[in-house]
Full PDB file with SEQRES, HELIX, SHEET, SSBOND, CRYST1, ORIGX, SCALE, CONECT and MASTER records, all heavy atoms in Angstrom:
SEQRES   1 A   36  MET ASN LYS LYS PHE LYS VAL ASP THR ILE PHE ILE GLY          
SEQRES   2 A   36  LEU PHE VAL THR ILE ALA LEU ALA VAL PHE ILE ILE LEU          
SEQRES   3 A   36  PHE SER THR PRO PHE TYR GLU ASP GLU ARG                      
HELIX    1 AA1 ASN A    2  PHE A   27  1                                  26    
HELIX    2 AA2 THR A   29  GLU A   33  1                                   5    
CRYST1    1.000    1.000    1.000  90.00  90.00  90.00 P 1           1          
ORIGX1      1.000000  0.000000  0.000000        0.00000                         
ORIGX2      0.000000  1.000000  0.000000        0.00000                         
ORIGX3      0.000000  0.000000  1.000000        0.00000                         
SCALE1      1.000000  0.000000  0.000000        0.00000                         
SCALE2      0.000000  1.000000  0.000000        0.00000                         
SCALE3      0.000000  0.000000  1.000000        0.00000                         
ATOM      1  N   MET A   1       0.839  -1.185  -0.032  1.00  0.00           N  
ATOM      2  CA  MET A   1       0.021  -0.033   0.028  1.00  0.00           C  
ATOM      3  C   MET A   1       0.857   1.292   0.004  1.00  0.00           C  
ATOM      4  O   MET A   1       0.574   2.249  -0.664  1.00  0.00           O  
ATOM      5  CB  MET A   1      -0.926  -0.065   1.257  1.00  0.00           C  
ATOM      6  CG  MET A   1      -1.868   1.238   1.229  1.00  0.00           C  
ATOM      7  SD  MET A   1      -3.046   1.098   2.692  1.00  0.00           S  
ATOM      8  CE  MET A   1      -4.107  -0.222   2.042  1.00  0.00           C  
ATOM      9  N   ASN A   2       1.876   1.238   0.772  1.00  0.00           N  
ATOM     10  CA  ASN A   2       2.841   2.455   0.863  1.00  0.00           C  
ATOM     11  C   ASN A   2       3.465   2.649  -0.351  1.00  0.00           C  
ATOM     12  O   ASN A   2       3.704   3.828  -0.892  1.00  0.00           O  
ATOM     13  CB  ASN A   2       3.843   2.200   1.926  1.00  0.00           C  
ATOM     14  CG  ASN A   2       3.281   2.315   3.353  1.00  0.00           C  
ATOM     15  OD1 ASN A   2       2.163   2.928   3.465  1.00  0.00           O  
ATOM     16  ND2 ASN A   2       3.852   1.762   4.344  1.00  0.00           N  
ATOM     17  N   LYS A   3       3.854   1.644  -1.105  1.00  0.00           N  
ATOM     18  CA  LYS A   3       4.654   1.654  -2.391  1.00  0.00           C  
ATOM     19  C   LYS A   3       3.688   2.324  -3.431  1.00  0.00           C  
ATOM     20  O   LYS A   3       4.015   3.155  -4.155  1.00  0.00           O  
ATOM     21  CB  LYS A   3       5.036   0.292  -2.832  1.00  0.00           C  
ATOM     22  CG  LYS A   3       5.834   0.326  -4.147  1.00  0.00           C  
ATOM     23  CD  LYS A   3       6.337  -0.999  -4.506  1.00  0.00           C  
ATOM     24  CE  LYS A   3       7.167  -1.034  -5.773  1.00  0.00           C  
ATOM     25  NZ  LYS A   3       7.626  -2.345  -6.175  1.00  0.00           N  
ATOM     26  N   LYS A   4       2.424   1.926  -3.489  1.00  0.00           N  
ATOM     27  CA  LYS A   4       1.451   2.389  -4.371  1.00  0.00           C  
ATOM     28  C   LYS A   4       1.191   3.781  -4.165  1.00  0.00           C  
ATOM     29  O   LYS A   4       1.056   4.747  -5.037  1.00  0.00           O  
ATOM     30  CB  LYS A   4       0.161   1.573  -4.262  1.00  0.00           C  
ATOM     31  CG  LYS A   4      -0.971   2.040  -5.253  1.00  0.00           C  
ATOM     32  CD  LYS A   4      -2.141   1.121  -5.159  1.00  0.00           C  
ATOM     33  CE  LYS A   4      -3.199   1.446  -6.189  1.00  0.00           C  
ATOM     34  NZ  LYS A   4      -3.755   2.724  -6.124  1.00  0.00           N  
ATOM     35  N   PHE A   5       1.122   4.275  -2.855  1.00  0.00           N  
ATOM     36  CA  PHE A   5       0.881   5.645  -2.467  1.00  0.00           C  
ATOM     37  C   PHE A   5       2.049   6.549  -2.969  1.00  0.00           C  
ATOM     38  O   PHE A   5       1.817   7.541  -3.542  1.00  0.00           O  
ATOM     39  CB  PHE A   5       0.704   5.808  -0.953  1.00  0.00           C  
ATOM     40  CG  PHE A   5       0.611   7.243  -0.557  1.00  0.00           C  
ATOM     41  CD1 PHE A   5      -0.638   7.856  -0.684  1.00  0.00           C  
ATOM     42  CD2 PHE A   5       1.665   7.826   0.109  1.00  0.00           C  
ATOM     43  CE1 PHE A   5      -0.727   9.202  -0.261  1.00  0.00           C  
ATOM     44  CE2 PHE A   5       1.507   9.165   0.467  1.00  0.00           C  
ATOM     45  CZ  PHE A   5       0.339   9.835   0.284  1.00  0.00           C  
ATOM     46  N   LYS A   6       3.271   6.055  -2.903  1.00  0.00           N  
ATOM     47  CA  LYS A   6       4.381   6.825  -3.188  1.00  0.00           C  
ATOM     48  C   LYS A   6       4.333   6.989  -4.859  1.00  0.00           C  
ATOM     49  O   LYS A   6       4.580   8.123  -5.295  1.00  0.00           O  
ATOM     50  CB  LYS A   6       5.689   6.114  -2.877  1.00  0.00           C  
ATOM     51  CG  LYS A   6       5.944   6.217  -1.372  1.00  0.00           C  
ATOM     52  CD  LYS A   6       7.165   5.498  -1.087  1.00  0.00           C  
ATOM     53  CE  LYS A   6       7.511   5.475   0.445  1.00  0.00           C  
ATOM     54  NZ  LYS A   6       8.653   4.776   0.859  1.00  0.00           N  
ATOM     55  N   VAL A   7       4.062   5.942  -5.502  1.00  0.00           N  
ATOM     56  CA  VAL A   7       3.971   6.026  -6.977  1.00  0.00           C  
ATOM     57  C   VAL A   7       2.871   7.042  -7.447  1.00  0.00           C  
ATOM     58  O   VAL A   7       3.094   7.849  -8.283  1.00  0.00           O  
ATOM     59  CB  VAL A   7       3.727   4.664  -7.618  1.00  0.00           C  
ATOM     60  CG1 VAL A   7       3.511   4.718  -9.089  1.00  0.00           C  
ATOM     61  CG2 VAL A   7       4.997   3.713  -7.381  1.00  0.00           C  
ATOM     62  N   ASP A   8       1.744   6.874  -6.807  1.00  0.00           N  
ATOM     63  CA  ASP A   8       0.622   7.784  -7.097  1.00  0.00           C  
ATOM     64  C   ASP A   8       0.958   9.221  -6.776  1.00  0.00           C  
ATOM     65  O   ASP A   8       0.653  10.105  -7.603  1.00  0.00           O  
ATOM     66  CB  ASP A   8      -0.587   7.402  -6.320  1.00  0.00           C  
ATOM     67  CG  ASP A   8      -1.261   6.179  -6.757  1.00  0.00           C  
ATOM     68  OD1 ASP A   8      -0.861   5.692  -7.861  1.00  0.00           O  
ATOM     69  OD2 ASP A   8      -2.105   5.626  -5.971  1.00  0.00           O  
ATOM     70  N   THR A   9       1.703   9.496  -5.805  1.00  0.00           N  
ATOM     71  CA  THR A   9       2.103  10.834  -5.298  1.00  0.00           C  
ATOM     72  C   THR A   9       3.019  11.429  -6.461  1.00  0.00           C  
ATOM     73  O   THR A   9       2.933  12.664  -6.776  1.00  0.00           O  
ATOM     74  CB  THR A   9       2.867  10.819  -4.012  1.00  0.00           C  
ATOM     75  OG1 THR A   9       1.973  10.244  -3.096  1.00  0.00           O  
ATOM     76  CG2 THR A   9       3.122  12.226  -3.548  1.00  0.00           C  
ATOM     77  N   ILE A  10       3.910  10.628  -6.953  1.00  0.00           N  
ATOM     78  CA  ILE A  10       4.823  11.102  -7.991  1.00  0.00           C  
ATOM     79  C   ILE A  10       4.066  11.511  -9.262  1.00  0.00           C  
ATOM     80  O   ILE A  10       4.323  12.605  -9.821  1.00  0.00           O  
ATOM     81  CB  ILE A  10       5.967  10.062  -8.325  1.00  0.00           C  
ATOM     82  CG1 ILE A  10       6.792   9.818  -7.054  1.00  0.00           C  
ATOM     83  CG2 ILE A  10       6.743  10.454  -9.507  1.00  0.00           C  
ATOM     84  CD1 ILE A  10       7.690   8.647  -7.276  1.00  0.00           C  
ATOM     85  N   PHE A  11       3.114  10.645  -9.675  1.00  0.00           N  
ATOM     86  CA  PHE A  11       2.425  10.992 -10.843  1.00  0.00           C  
ATOM     87  C   PHE A  11       1.486  12.217 -10.644  1.00  0.00           C  
ATOM     88  O   PHE A  11       1.262  13.014 -11.586  1.00  0.00           O  
ATOM     89  CB  PHE A  11       1.551   9.796 -11.372  1.00  0.00           C  
ATOM     90  CG  PHE A  11       2.354   8.825 -12.081  1.00  0.00           C  
ATOM     91  CD1 PHE A  11       2.814   7.666 -11.535  1.00  0.00           C  
ATOM     92  CD2 PHE A  11       2.534   9.062 -13.432  1.00  0.00           C  
ATOM     93  CE1 PHE A  11       3.669   6.786 -12.294  1.00  0.00           C  
ATOM     94  CE2 PHE A  11       3.277   8.101 -14.205  1.00  0.00           C  
ATOM     95  CZ  PHE A  11       3.904   7.009 -13.623  1.00  0.00           C  
ATOM     96  N   ILE A  12       0.986  12.431  -9.437  1.00  0.00           N  
ATOM     97  CA  ILE A  12       0.175  13.613  -9.117  1.00  0.00           C  
ATOM     98  C   ILE A  12       1.080  14.847  -9.226  1.00  0.00           C  
ATOM     99  O   ILE A  12       0.597  15.860  -9.781  1.00  0.00           O  
ATOM    100  CB  ILE A  12      -0.397  13.540  -7.678  1.00  0.00           C  
ATOM    101  CG1 ILE A  12      -1.523  12.391  -7.603  1.00  0.00           C  
ATOM    102  CG2 ILE A  12      -0.994  14.779  -7.240  1.00  0.00           C  
ATOM    103  CD1 ILE A  12      -2.036  12.090  -6.269  1.00  0.00           C  
ATOM    104  N   GLY A  13       2.329  14.737  -8.745  1.00  0.00           N  
ATOM    105  CA  GLY A  13       3.274  15.810  -8.779  1.00  0.00           C  
ATOM    106  C   GLY A  13       3.526  16.203 -10.360  1.00  0.00           C  
ATOM    107  O   GLY A  13       3.641  17.362 -10.675  1.00  0.00           O  
ATOM    108  N   LEU A  14       3.681  15.165 -11.107  1.00  0.00           N  
ATOM    109  CA  LEU A  14       3.842  15.412 -12.608  1.00  0.00           C  
ATOM    110  C   LEU A  14       2.693  16.116 -13.235  1.00  0.00           C  
ATOM    111  O   LEU A  14       2.774  17.077 -13.977  1.00  0.00           O  
ATOM    112  CB  LEU A  14       4.105  14.074 -13.320  1.00  0.00           C  
ATOM    113  CG  LEU A  14       4.287  14.218 -14.810  1.00  0.00           C  
ATOM    114  CD1 LEU A  14       5.551  15.026 -15.162  1.00  0.00           C  
ATOM    115  CD2 LEU A  14       4.458  12.816 -15.490  1.00  0.00           C  
ATOM    116  N   PHE A  15       1.529  15.616 -12.907  1.00  0.00           N  
ATOM    117  CA  PHE A  15       0.218  16.233 -13.308  1.00  0.00           C  
ATOM    118  C   PHE A  15       0.101  17.695 -13.008  1.00  0.00           C  
ATOM    119  O   PHE A  15      -0.222  18.546 -13.763  1.00  0.00           O  
ATOM    120  CB  PHE A  15      -0.990  15.405 -12.899  1.00  0.00           C  
ATOM    121  CG  PHE A  15      -2.303  16.018 -13.179  1.00  0.00           C  
ATOM    122  CD1 PHE A  15      -2.840  15.820 -14.414  1.00  0.00           C  
ATOM    123  CD2 PHE A  15      -2.992  16.790 -12.283  1.00  0.00           C  
ATOM    124  CE1 PHE A  15      -4.057  16.446 -14.797  1.00  0.00           C  
ATOM    125  CE2 PHE A  15      -4.195  17.383 -12.605  1.00  0.00           C  
ATOM    126  CZ  PHE A  15      -4.783  17.191 -13.912  1.00  0.00           C  
ATOM    127  N   VAL A  16       0.453  17.959 -11.678  1.00  0.00           N  
ATOM    128  CA  VAL A  16       0.394  19.328 -11.206  1.00  0.00           C  
ATOM    129  C   VAL A  16       1.311  20.293 -11.986  1.00  0.00           C  
ATOM    130  O   VAL A  16       0.864  21.386 -12.321  1.00  0.00           O  
ATOM    131  CB  VAL A  16       0.572  19.367  -9.676  1.00  0.00           C  
ATOM    132  CG1 VAL A  16       0.708  20.800  -9.205  1.00  0.00           C  
ATOM    133  CG2 VAL A  16      -0.533  18.722  -8.901  1.00  0.00           C  
ATOM    134  N   THR A  17       2.583  19.806 -12.068  1.00  0.00           N  
ATOM    135  CA  THR A  17       3.502  20.628 -12.804  1.00  0.00           C  
ATOM    136  C   THR A  17       3.120  20.977 -14.220  1.00  0.00           C  
ATOM    137  O   THR A  17       3.248  22.038 -14.738  1.00  0.00           O  
ATOM    138  CB  THR A  17       4.965  20.132 -12.777  1.00  0.00           C  
ATOM    139  OG1 THR A  17       4.870  18.749 -13.327  1.00  0.00           O  
ATOM    140  CG2 THR A  17       5.503  20.042 -11.352  1.00  0.00           C  
ATOM    141  N   ILE A  18       2.591  19.870 -14.938  1.00  0.00           N  
ATOM    142  CA  ILE A  18       2.132  20.118 -16.235  1.00  0.00           C  
ATOM    143  C   ILE A  18       0.893  21.063 -16.276  1.00  0.00           C  
ATOM    144  O   ILE A  18       0.791  22.048 -17.168  1.00  0.00           O  
ATOM    145  CB  ILE A  18       1.780  18.793 -16.965  1.00  0.00           C  
ATOM    146  CG1 ILE A  18       3.030  17.992 -17.120  1.00  0.00           C  
ATOM    147  CG2 ILE A  18       1.097  18.990 -18.278  1.00  0.00           C  
ATOM    148  CD1 ILE A  18       2.815  16.494 -17.620  1.00  0.00           C  
ATOM    149  N   ALA A  19      -0.050  20.899 -15.388  1.00  0.00           N  
ATOM    150  CA  ALA A  19      -1.238  21.652 -15.273  1.00  0.00           C  
ATOM    151  C   ALA A  19      -0.881  23.124 -15.016  1.00  0.00           C  
ATOM    152  O   ALA A  19      -1.445  23.991 -15.606  1.00  0.00           O  
ATOM    153  CB  ALA A  19      -2.177  21.159 -14.186  1.00  0.00           C  
ATOM    154  N   LEU A  20       0.014  23.353 -14.199  1.00  0.00           N  
ATOM    155  CA  LEU A  20       0.567  24.728 -13.831  1.00  0.00           C  
ATOM    156  C   LEU A  20       1.114  25.418 -15.116  1.00  0.00           C  
ATOM    157  O   LEU A  20       0.898  26.585 -15.322  1.00  0.00           O  
ATOM    158  CB  LEU A  20       1.468  24.706 -12.726  1.00  0.00           C  
ATOM    159  CG  LEU A  20       0.927  24.400 -11.328  1.00  0.00           C  
ATOM    160  CD1 LEU A  20       2.027  24.240 -10.280  1.00  0.00           C  
ATOM    161  CD2 LEU A  20      -0.143  25.354 -10.877  1.00  0.00           C  
ATOM    162  N   ALA A  21       1.915  24.651 -15.884  1.00  0.00           N  
ATOM    163  CA  ALA A  21       2.508  25.202 -17.038  1.00  0.00           C  
ATOM    164  C   ALA A  21       1.507  25.601 -18.086  1.00  0.00           C  
ATOM    165  O   ALA A  21       1.628  26.665 -18.654  1.00  0.00           O  
ATOM    166  CB  ALA A  21       3.522  24.106 -17.626  1.00  0.00           C  
ATOM    167  N   VAL A  22       0.568  24.696 -18.221  1.00  0.00           N  
ATOM    168  CA  VAL A  22      -0.616  24.969 -19.222  1.00  0.00           C  
ATOM    169  C   VAL A  22      -1.378  26.160 -18.729  1.00  0.00           C  
ATOM    170  O   VAL A  22      -1.736  27.105 -19.532  1.00  0.00           O  
ATOM    171  CB  VAL A  22      -1.500  23.717 -19.426  1.00  0.00           C  
ATOM    172  CG1 VAL A  22      -2.635  24.055 -20.155  1.00  0.00           C  
ATOM    173  CG2 VAL A  22      -0.734  22.610 -20.014  1.00  0.00           C  
ATOM    174  N   PHE A  23      -1.689  26.201 -17.459  1.00  0.00           N  
ATOM    175  CA  PHE A  23      -2.403  27.437 -16.915  1.00  0.00           C  
ATOM    176  C   PHE A  23      -1.704  28.783 -17.161  1.00  0.00           C  
ATOM    177  O   PHE A  23      -2.314  29.700 -17.587  1.00  0.00           O  
ATOM    178  CB  PHE A  23      -2.608  27.222 -15.380  1.00  0.00           C  
ATOM    179  CG  PHE A  23      -3.212  28.464 -14.671  1.00  0.00           C  
ATOM    180  CD1 PHE A  23      -4.544  28.804 -14.723  1.00  0.00           C  
ATOM    181  CD2 PHE A  23      -2.329  29.303 -13.959  1.00  0.00           C  
ATOM    182  CE1 PHE A  23      -5.049  29.901 -14.128  1.00  0.00           C  
ATOM    183  CE2 PHE A  23      -2.885  30.429 -13.377  1.00  0.00           C  
ATOM    184  CZ  PHE A  23      -4.184  30.702 -13.452  1.00  0.00           C  
ATOM    185  N   ILE A  24      -0.397  28.719 -16.947  1.00  0.00           N  
ATOM    186  CA  ILE A  24       0.341  29.959 -17.120  1.00  0.00           C  
ATOM    187  C   ILE A  24       0.323  30.411 -18.500  1.00  0.00           C  
ATOM    188  O   ILE A  24       0.184  31.604 -18.899  1.00  0.00           O  
ATOM    189  CB  ILE A  24       1.867  29.876 -16.636  1.00  0.00           C  
ATOM    190  CG1 ILE A  24       1.868  29.640 -15.097  1.00  0.00           C  
ATOM    191  CG2 ILE A  24       2.817  30.930 -17.065  1.00  0.00           C  
ATOM    192  CD1 ILE A  24       3.293  29.361 -14.533  1.00  0.00           C  
ATOM    193  N   ILE A  25       0.539  29.486 -19.436  1.00  0.00           N  
ATOM    194  CA  ILE A  25       0.551  29.793 -20.861  1.00  0.00           C  
ATOM    195  C   ILE A  25      -0.867  30.338 -21.318  1.00  0.00           C  
ATOM    196  O   ILE A  25      -0.899  31.327 -21.998  1.00  0.00           O  
ATOM    197  CB  ILE A  25       0.924  28.534 -21.732  1.00  0.00           C  
ATOM    198  CG1 ILE A  25       2.289  28.130 -21.439  1.00  0.00           C  
ATOM    199  CG2 ILE A  25       0.666  28.871 -23.187  1.00  0.00           C  
ATOM    200  CD1 ILE A  25       2.738  26.774 -22.006  1.00  0.00           C  
ATOM    201  N   LEU A  26      -1.977  29.734 -20.841  1.00  0.00           N  
ATOM    202  CA  LEU A  26      -3.221  30.155 -21.206  1.00  0.00           C  
ATOM    203  C   LEU A  26      -3.584  31.514 -20.521  1.00  0.00           C  
ATOM    204  O   LEU A  26      -4.250  32.317 -21.115  1.00  0.00           O  
ATOM    205  CB  LEU A  26      -4.270  29.170 -20.771  1.00  0.00           C  
ATOM    206  CG  LEU A  26      -4.243  27.745 -21.558  1.00  0.00           C  
ATOM    207  CD1 LEU A  26      -5.258  26.865 -20.935  1.00  0.00           C  
ATOM    208  CD2 LEU A  26      -4.438  27.974 -23.065  1.00  0.00           C  
ATOM    209  N   PHE A  27      -3.097  31.647 -19.286  1.00  0.00           N  
ATOM    210  CA  PHE A  27      -3.481  32.872 -18.566  1.00  0.00           C  
ATOM    211  C   PHE A  27      -2.706  34.098 -19.026  1.00  0.00           C  
ATOM    212  O   PHE A  27      -2.954  35.293 -18.690  1.00  0.00           O  
ATOM    213  CB  PHE A  27      -3.175  32.756 -17.040  1.00  0.00           C  
ATOM    214  CG  PHE A  27      -3.747  33.641 -16.173  1.00  0.00           C  
ATOM    215  CD1 PHE A  27      -5.061  33.838 -15.908  1.00  0.00           C  
ATOM    216  CD2 PHE A  27      -2.818  34.691 -15.547  1.00  0.00           C  
ATOM    217  CE1 PHE A  27      -5.513  34.886 -15.006  1.00  0.00           C  
ATOM    218  CE2 PHE A  27      -3.312  35.694 -14.736  1.00  0.00           C  
ATOM    219  CZ  PHE A  27      -4.619  35.760 -14.466  1.00  0.00           C  
ATOM    220  N   SER A  28      -1.553  33.841 -19.775  1.00  0.00           N  
ATOM    221  CA  SER A  28      -0.778  34.879 -20.212  1.00  0.00           C  
ATOM    222  C   SER A  28      -1.377  35.822 -21.383  1.00  0.00           C  
ATOM    223  O   SER A  28      -0.825  36.898 -21.675  1.00  0.00           O  
ATOM    224  CB  SER A  28       0.628  34.445 -20.735  1.00  0.00           C  
ATOM    225  OG  SER A  28       0.468  33.620 -21.852  1.00  0.00           O  
ATOM    226  N   THR A  29      -2.473  35.319 -21.875  1.00  0.00           N  
ATOM    227  CA  THR A  29      -3.175  36.005 -23.047  1.00  0.00           C  
ATOM    228  C   THR A  29      -3.446  37.462 -22.720  1.00  0.00           C  
ATOM    229  O   THR A  29      -3.173  38.463 -23.449  1.00  0.00           O  
ATOM    230  CB  THR A  29      -4.442  35.299 -23.513  1.00  0.00           C  
ATOM    231  OG1 THR A  29      -4.099  33.992 -23.804  1.00  0.00           O  
ATOM    232  CG2 THR A  29      -5.004  35.966 -24.690  1.00  0.00           C  
ATOM    233  N   PRO A  30      -4.030  37.777 -21.581  1.00  0.00           N  
ATOM    234  CA  PRO A  30      -4.433  39.141 -21.231  1.00  0.00           C  
ATOM    235  C   PRO A  30      -3.176  40.063 -21.144  1.00  0.00           C  
ATOM    236  O   PRO A  30      -3.294  41.337 -21.407  1.00  0.00           O  
ATOM    237  CB  PRO A  30      -5.038  39.112 -19.822  1.00  0.00           C  
ATOM    238  CG  PRO A  30      -5.470  37.687 -19.715  1.00  0.00           C  
ATOM    239  CD  PRO A  30      -4.531  36.901 -20.554  1.00  0.00           C  
ATOM    240  N   PHE A  31      -1.986  39.609 -21.008  1.00  0.00           N  
ATOM    241  CA  PHE A  31      -0.839  40.397 -20.854  1.00  0.00           C  
ATOM    242  C   PHE A  31      -0.419  41.035 -22.244  1.00  0.00           C  
ATOM    243  O   PHE A  31       0.329  42.016 -22.239  1.00  0.00           O  
ATOM    244  CB  PHE A  31       0.358  39.642 -20.258  1.00  0.00           C  
ATOM    245  CG  PHE A  31       0.211  39.350 -18.799  1.00  0.00           C  
ATOM    246  CD1 PHE A  31      -0.528  38.350 -18.356  1.00  0.00           C  
ATOM    247  CD2 PHE A  31       0.826  40.205 -17.867  1.00  0.00           C  
ATOM    248  CE1 PHE A  31      -0.661  38.086 -16.979  1.00  0.00           C  
ATOM    249  CE2 PHE A  31       0.717  39.922 -16.520  1.00  0.00           C  
ATOM    250  CZ  PHE A  31      -0.113  38.818 -16.069  1.00  0.00           C  
ATOM    251  N   TYR A  32      -0.843  40.465 -23.317  1.00  0.00           N  
ATOM    252  CA  TYR A  32      -0.613  40.969 -24.662  1.00  0.00           C  
ATOM    253  C   TYR A  32      -1.723  42.012 -25.057  1.00  0.00           C  
ATOM    254  O   TYR A  32      -1.420  42.729 -25.973  1.00  0.00           O  
ATOM    255  CB  TYR A  32      -0.596  39.729 -25.665  1.00  0.00           C  
ATOM    256  CG  TYR A  32       0.610  38.851 -25.384  1.00  0.00           C  
ATOM    257  CD1 TYR A  32       0.421  37.707 -24.609  1.00  0.00           C  
ATOM    258  CD2 TYR A  32       1.908  39.037 -26.043  1.00  0.00           C  
ATOM    259  CE1 TYR A  32       1.506  36.848 -24.395  1.00  0.00           C  
ATOM    260  CE2 TYR A  32       2.837  38.163 -25.741  1.00  0.00           C  
ATOM    261  CZ  TYR A  32       2.648  37.055 -24.962  1.00  0.00           C  
ATOM    262  OH  TYR A  32       3.708  36.213 -24.731  1.00  0.00           O  
ATOM    263  N   GLU A  33      -2.850  41.924 -24.378  1.00  0.00           N  
ATOM    264  CA  GLU A  33      -3.914  42.746 -24.773  1.00  0.00           C  
ATOM    265  C   GLU A  33      -4.170  44.042 -23.931  1.00  0.00           C  
ATOM    266  O   GLU A  33      -4.599  45.021 -24.407  1.00  0.00           O  
ATOM    267  CB  GLU A  33      -5.202  41.963 -24.837  1.00  0.00           C  
ATOM    268  CG  GLU A  33      -5.240  40.793 -25.673  1.00  0.00           C  
ATOM    269  CD  GLU A  33      -6.359  39.828 -25.470  1.00  0.00           C  
ATOM    270  OE1 GLU A  33      -7.072  40.032 -24.417  1.00  0.00           O  
ATOM    271  OE2 GLU A  33      -6.529  38.899 -26.298  1.00  0.00           O  
ATOM    272  N   ASP A  34      -3.688  44.004 -22.728  1.00  0.00           N  
ATOM    273  CA  ASP A  34      -3.969  45.033 -21.742  1.00  0.00           C  
ATOM    274  C   ASP A  34      -2.699  45.862 -21.607  1.00  0.00           C  
ATOM    275  O   ASP A  34      -1.546  45.310 -21.279  1.00  0.00           O  
ATOM    276  CB  ASP A  34      -4.299  44.409 -20.362  1.00  0.00           C  
ATOM    277  CG  ASP A  34      -4.878  45.525 -19.395  1.00  0.00           C  
ATOM    278  OD1 ASP A  34      -4.367  46.703 -19.512  1.00  0.00           O  
ATOM    279  OD2 ASP A  34      -5.726  45.215 -18.571  1.00  0.00           O  
ATOM    280  N   GLU A  35      -2.684  47.250 -21.840  1.00  0.00           N  
ATOM    281  CA  GLU A  35      -1.471  48.001 -21.728  1.00  0.00           C  
ATOM    282  C   GLU A  35      -0.953  47.904 -20.375  1.00  0.00           C  
ATOM    283  O   GLU A  35       0.308  47.967 -20.294  1.00  0.00           O  
ATOM    284  CB  GLU A  35      -1.874  49.568 -22.194  1.00  0.00           C  
ATOM    285  CG  GLU A  35      -2.063  49.731 -23.654  1.00  0.00           C  
ATOM    286  CD  GLU A  35      -2.213  51.164 -23.967  1.00  0.00           C  
ATOM    287  OE1 GLU A  35      -1.850  51.994 -23.145  1.00  0.00           O  
ATOM    288  OE2 GLU A  35      -2.774  51.417 -25.002  1.00  0.00           O  
ATOM    289  N   ARG A  36      -1.791  48.042 -19.392  1.00  0.00           N  
ATOM    290  CA  ARG A  36      -1.279  47.962 -18.088  1.00  0.00           C  
ATOM    291  C   ARG A  36      -0.390  46.792 -17.704  1.00  0.00           C  
ATOM    292  O   ARG A  36       0.515  46.771 -16.959  1.00  0.00           O  
ATOM    293  CB  ARG A  36      -2.472  48.080 -17.043  1.00  0.00           C  
ATOM    294  CG  ARG A  36      -2.109  48.040 -15.553  1.00  0.00           C  
ATOM    295  CD  ARG A  36      -3.276  48.122 -14.711  1.00  0.00           C  
ATOM    296  NE  ARG A  36      -3.845  46.763 -14.743  1.00  0.00           N  
ATOM    297  CZ  ARG A  36      -3.522  45.681 -14.054  1.00  0.00           C  
ATOM    298  NH1 ARG A  36      -2.581  45.753 -13.245  1.00  0.00           N  
ATOM    299  NH2 ARG A  36      -4.310  44.557 -14.119  1.00  0.00           N  
TER     300      ARG A  36                                                      
MASTER        0    0    0    2    0    0    0    6  299    1    0    3          
END                                                                             
């Protein structure tokens, strides 16, 4: 059970890092449109 938990945690970490990267790219759109 512990081994499975560790493996799942690693994959969750990968998912989060990828999701954050995608979010930043998508969220950057307003910075090209708003002068401020």
